[in-house]
Amino acid sequence: MKIMVVCGNGLGSSFIMEINVKKALTEMGKTAEVGHTDLTSARTEQADIFIGAADIVGQLEDGSRTIVTLENMMSISEITSKLEPHLE
């Protein structure tokens, strides 16, 4: 399983979200390959799940991608609750 964390520029905020996604996965006892990228590059990336802030990651919606939108990228509990249904 590959999870791609997306932000506008692919720098600071996506890196923080990547760390928090990894923490959430650990808490759930799950494993996945997790990376981060900017919105433009994400359009050509292959991943099972794309995760990011609602105003950014929604732009990737094309009907074939699994998109997880976050309101608070710092909230590990939100990341866990929104990712968990896609990991089973």
Protein backbone atom coordinates (compact mmCIF):
# COMPACT_ATOMS: atom_id res chain seq x y z
CA MET A 1 0.00 0.00 0.00
CA LYS A 2 1.26 3.45 -0.91
CA ILE A 3 -0.02 6.67 0.65
CA MET A 4 0.92 10.00 -0.90
CA VAL A 5 0.63 13.14 1.23
CA VAL A 6 -0.06 16.23 -0.89
CA CYS A 7 0.31 19.96 -0.27
CA GLY A 8 0.57 23.02 -2.46
CA ASN A 9 4.36 23.14 -2.66
CA GLY A 10 5.39 19.68 -1.45
CA LEU A 11 7.60 21.06 1.28
CA GLY A 12 6.92 21.78 4.95
CA SER A 13 3.25 21.02 5.48
CA SER A 14 3.29 17.78 3.51
CA PHE A 15 6.39 16.63 5.39
CA ILE A 16 4.64 17.31 8.73
CA MET A 17 1.56 15.44 7.49
CA GLU A 18 3.76 12.54 6.34
CA ILE A 19 5.21 12.23 9.85
CA ASN A 20 1.71 12.34 11.35
CA VAL A 21 0.39 9.75 8.90
CA LYS A 22 3.25 7.44 9.89
CA LYS A 23 2.41 7.99 13.58
CA ALA A 24 -1.25 7.21 12.90
CA LEU A 25 -0.32 4.03 11.01
CA THR A 26 1.88 2.92 13.89
CA GLU A 27 -0.94 3.53 16.38
CA MET A 28 -3.27 1.44 14.19
CA GLY A 29 -0.70 -1.33 13.84
CA LYS A 30 -0.65 -0.87 10.05
CA THR A 31 2.19 -0.41 7.62
CA ALA A 32 2.36 1.43 4.32
CA GLU A 33 4.83 3.25 2.15
CA VAL A 34 4.28 6.97 2.81
CA GLY A 35 5.67 9.81 0.73
CA HIS A 36 4.95 13.49 0.20
CA THR A 37 4.75 15.68 -2.87
CA ASP A 38 3.32 18.87 -4.30
CA LEU A 39 -0.06 19.10 -6.00
CA THR A 40 1.31 19.34 -9.55
CA SER A 41 3.55 16.27 -9.18
CA ALA A 42 0.78 14.33 -7.42
CA ARG A 43 -1.26 14.36 -10.64
CA THR A 44 1.23 11.90 -12.17
CA GLU A 45 2.04 9.92 -8.99
CA GLN A 46 0.75 6.40 -8.48
CA ALA A 47 -0.60 5.76 -4.98
CA ASP A 48 -3.40 3.83 -3.32
CA ILE A 49 -4.44 6.81 -1.18
CA PHE A 50 -3.86 10.54 -1.56
CA ILE A 51 -4.22 12.55 1.64
CA GLY A 52 -4.05 16.27 2.33
CA ALA A 53 -5.89 19.44 3.23
CA ALA A 54 -9.37 19.65 1.73
CA ASP A 55 -8.64 22.77 -0.32
CA ILE A 56 -5.63 21.13 -2.01
CA VAL A 57 -6.14 17.39 -2.33
CA GLY A 58 -9.69 17.75 -3.67
CA GLN A 59 -8.15 19.08 -6.88
CA LEU A 60 -6.83 15.57 -7.57
CA GLU A 61 -10.32 14.05 -7.69
CA ASP A 62 -10.82 12.35 -11.03
CA GLY A 63 -13.17 9.54 -10.05
CA SER A 64 -10.44 6.91 -9.90
CA ARG A 65 -8.33 8.04 -6.93
CA THR A 66 -8.94 7.40 -3.26
CA ILE A 67 -8.80 10.85 -1.68
CA VAL A 68 -8.71 11.52 2.07
CA THR A 69 -9.28 15.14 3.07
CA LEU A 70 -8.12 16.60 6.37
CA GLU A 71 -9.40 19.63 8.22
CA ASN A 72 -6.50 19.58 10.72
CA MET A 73 -3.27 18.09 9.41
CA MET A 74 -1.83 18.08 12.93
CA SER A 75 -4.60 15.86 14.34
CA ILE A 76 -3.42 12.27 14.48
CA SER A 77 -6.89 11.22 15.67
CA GLU A 78 -8.47 12.77 12.54
CA ILE A 79 -5.86 11.13 10.31
CA THR A 80 -6.54 7.79 11.99
CA SER A 81 -10.32 8.04 11.73
CA LYS A 82 -10.24 9.06 8.07
CA LEU A 83 -7.53 6.58 6.96
CA GLU A 84 -8.72 3.52 8.85
CA PRO A 85 -11.71 2.70 6.60
CA HIS A 86 -9.39 2.63 3.58
CA LEU A 87 -6.89 0.24 5.20
CA GLU A 88 -9.21 -2.68 5.89
